[in-house]
Amino acid sequence: MIDVALLAGRLLLLVLLYLFLFATVRTGIGLVSSGRRAKAGAFTLSVIQGPRTLLNTSVPVNGPVVIGRSPGSDIVIGDDFVSGRHARVFPSGADVIIEDLGSTNGTLVNGVRIDGPTRLTAGDLIDVGSVRLKVGRA
């Protein structure tokens, strides 16, 4: 009788595990699909100068994008002149805004150090440490 109960428990656990995995994969596929479809007017950040591992990387700005040295950043830059959480780029209506997050060495937009939230347009260049990013349209 105990063997039957253990077998039923194992089968129930297996079914629950498969349901959990199915739900997780289904959610992940939805996130990947929505990431591929860029919204009209959406912006991207592309690395045009910097380490080879980052070169030509493009990140859509569908929500806040944190740039920094911290592994939790969306764009991780391993440079001593980059703070852990250096700058943040985020959409605001039809625009995209960048703000420096109190970094030591500052953030440059088109060669000018920013001191507050700054509106970006397509073609703007952002310098964070030794990395240069270009703002583009998706």
Protein backbone atom coordinates (compact mmCIF):
# COMPACT_ATOMS: atom_id res chain seq x y z
CA MET A 1 0.00 0.00 0.00
CA ILE A 2 2.87 2.38 0.81
CA ASP A 3 4.47 1.61 -2.57
CA VAL A 4 1.27 2.64 -4.38
CA ALA A 5 1.09 5.89 -2.39
CA LEU A 6 4.76 6.68 -3.13
CA LEU A 7 4.26 5.93 -6.84
CA ALA A 8 1.20 8.21 -6.95
CA GLY A 9 3.17 10.95 -5.14
CA ARG A 10 6.05 10.64 -7.59
CA LEU A 11 3.72 10.80 -10.58
CA LEU A 12 1.96 13.85 -9.13
CA LEU A 13 5.30 15.55 -8.53
CA LEU A 14 6.39 14.75 -12.10
CA VAL A 15 3.16 16.18 -13.54
CA LEU A 16 3.53 19.36 -11.48
CA LEU A 17 7.15 19.71 -12.58
CA TYR A 18 6.18 19.41 -16.26
CA LEU A 19 3.39 21.96 -15.81
CA PHE A 20 5.82 24.37 -14.16
CA LEU A 21 8.39 23.92 -16.94
CA PHE A 22 5.73 24.35 -19.62
CA ALA A 23 4.49 27.60 -18.04
CA THR A 24 8.07 28.90 -17.67
CA VAL A 25 9.04 28.12 -21.27
CA ARG A 26 5.78 29.59 -22.56
CA THR A 27 6.42 32.83 -20.67
CA GLY A 28 10.03 32.97 -21.89
CA ILE A 29 8.98 32.48 -25.51
CA GLY A 30 6.48 35.32 -25.12
CA LEU A 31 9.19 37.62 -23.79
CA VAL A 32 11.58 36.75 -26.62
CA SER A 33 8.88 37.26 -29.24
CA SER A 34 7.83 40.63 -27.87
CA GLY A 35 11.49 41.70 -27.74
CA ARG A 36 11.90 41.06 -31.45
CA ARG A 37 8.95 43.19 -32.44
CA ALA A 38 10.07 46.75 -32.01
CA LYS A 39 7.39 49.34 -31.39
CA ALA A 40 7.07 52.15 -33.87
CA GLY A 41 9.30 54.98 -32.73
CA ALA A 42 11.27 52.73 -30.39
CA PHE A 43 14.93 53.53 -29.81
CA THR A 44 18.03 51.32 -29.60
CA LEU A 45 21.48 51.72 -28.10
CA SER A 46 24.32 50.30 -30.20
CA VAL A 47 27.93 49.97 -29.05
CA ILE A 48 30.10 51.48 -31.80
CA GLN A 49 33.38 51.79 -29.90
CA GLY A 50 34.75 49.73 -27.04
CA PRO A 51 35.80 46.18 -26.20
CA ARG A 52 35.34 43.52 -28.87
CA THR A 53 32.90 41.63 -26.66
CA LEU A 54 30.51 44.62 -26.72
CA LEU A 55 31.18 45.96 -30.21
CA ASN A 56 28.07 46.01 -32.45
CA THR A 57 25.82 45.01 -29.54
CA SER A 58 22.39 46.59 -29.85
CA VAL A 59 19.89 46.92 -27.01
CA PRO A 60 16.28 48.08 -27.51
CA VAL A 61 15.10 50.80 -25.13
CA ASN A 62 11.67 49.37 -24.34
CA GLY A 63 12.11 50.15 -20.64
CA PRO A 64 14.87 51.44 -18.39
CA VAL A 65 18.35 50.38 -19.57
CA VAL A 66 21.07 50.67 -16.92
CA ILE A 67 24.65 51.09 -18.08
CA GLY A 68 27.43 50.29 -15.63
CA ARG A 69 30.16 48.02 -14.34
CA SER A 70 27.82 46.04 -12.05
CA PRO A 71 26.83 42.56 -13.30
CA GLY A 72 23.21 43.57 -12.68
CA SER A 73 23.39 46.31 -15.34
CA ASP A 74 21.73 45.84 -18.72
CA ILE A 75 24.90 46.92 -20.53
CA VAL A 76 27.91 45.79 -18.49
CA ILE A 77 31.12 47.71 -19.15
CA GLY A 78 34.27 46.37 -17.49
CA ASP A 79 36.12 49.67 -17.30
CA ASP A 80 37.67 51.29 -14.21
CA PHE A 81 36.22 54.66 -15.27
CA VAL A 82 32.65 53.31 -15.21
CA SER A 83 30.64 53.24 -11.98
CA GLY A 84 28.62 50.21 -10.87
CA ARG A 85 25.40 51.95 -11.91
CA HIS A 86 26.68 54.69 -14.19
CA ALA A 87 23.76 55.91 -16.31
CA ARG A 88 20.17 55.04 -17.14
CA VAL A 89 18.38 55.41 -20.48
CA PHE A 90 14.60 55.17 -20.48
CA PRO A 91 11.67 55.91 -22.79
CA SER A 92 9.44 58.86 -21.94
CA GLY A 93 6.48 59.10 -24.28
CA ALA A 94 7.86 59.44 -27.82
CA ASP A 95 11.28 60.49 -26.51
CA VAL A 96 14.15 58.70 -24.83
CA ILE A 97 15.93 60.22 -21.83
CA ILE A 98 19.39 59.61 -20.35
CA GLU A 99 20.43 60.48 -16.82
CA ASP A 100 23.71 60.06 -15.03
CA LEU A 101 23.25 58.07 -11.81
CA GLY A 102 25.83 60.01 -9.81
CA SER A 103 28.85 58.48 -11.49
CA THR A 104 32.33 59.72 -10.57
CA ASN A 105 33.54 60.34 -14.12
CA GLY A 106 30.25 61.50 -15.66
CA THR A 107 28.39 60.69 -18.85
CA LEU A 108 28.92 62.54 -22.12
CA VAL A 109 26.28 63.10 -24.80
CA ASN A 110 27.75 64.36 -28.08
CA GLY A 111 30.94 65.29 -26.21
CA VAL A 112 29.19 67.35 -23.50
CA ARG A 113 28.97 66.18 -19.89
CA ILE A 114 25.34 65.97 -18.76
CA ASP A 115 24.24 67.16 -15.33
CA GLY A 116 20.60 66.09 -15.36
CA PRO A 117 18.06 64.12 -17.40
CA THR A 118 18.75 64.83 -21.07
CA ARG A 119 16.56 64.12 -24.10
CA LEU A 120 18.22 61.98 -26.77
CA THR A 121 17.55 61.84 -30.50
CA ALA A 122 18.56 59.30 -33.13
CA GLY A 123 22.23 59.71 -33.99
CA ASP A 124 23.31 61.02 -30.58
CA LEU A 125 26.56 59.61 -29.21
CA ILE A 126 26.89 58.58 -25.56
CA ASP A 127 30.33 58.15 -23.97
CA VAL A 128 30.58 56.05 -20.81
CA GLY A 129 34.20 55.38 -19.90
CA SER A 130 35.94 54.07 -23.01
CA VAL A 131 32.69 52.87 -24.60
CA ARG A 132 30.73 54.89 -27.14
CA LEU A 133 27.08 54.11 -27.82
CA LYS A 134 24.94 55.45 -30.62
CA VAL A 135 21.23 56.11 -30.30
CA GLY A 136 19.20 54.74 -33.19
CA ARG A 137 15.65 54.02 -34.21
CA ALA A 138 14.39 50.44 -34.15
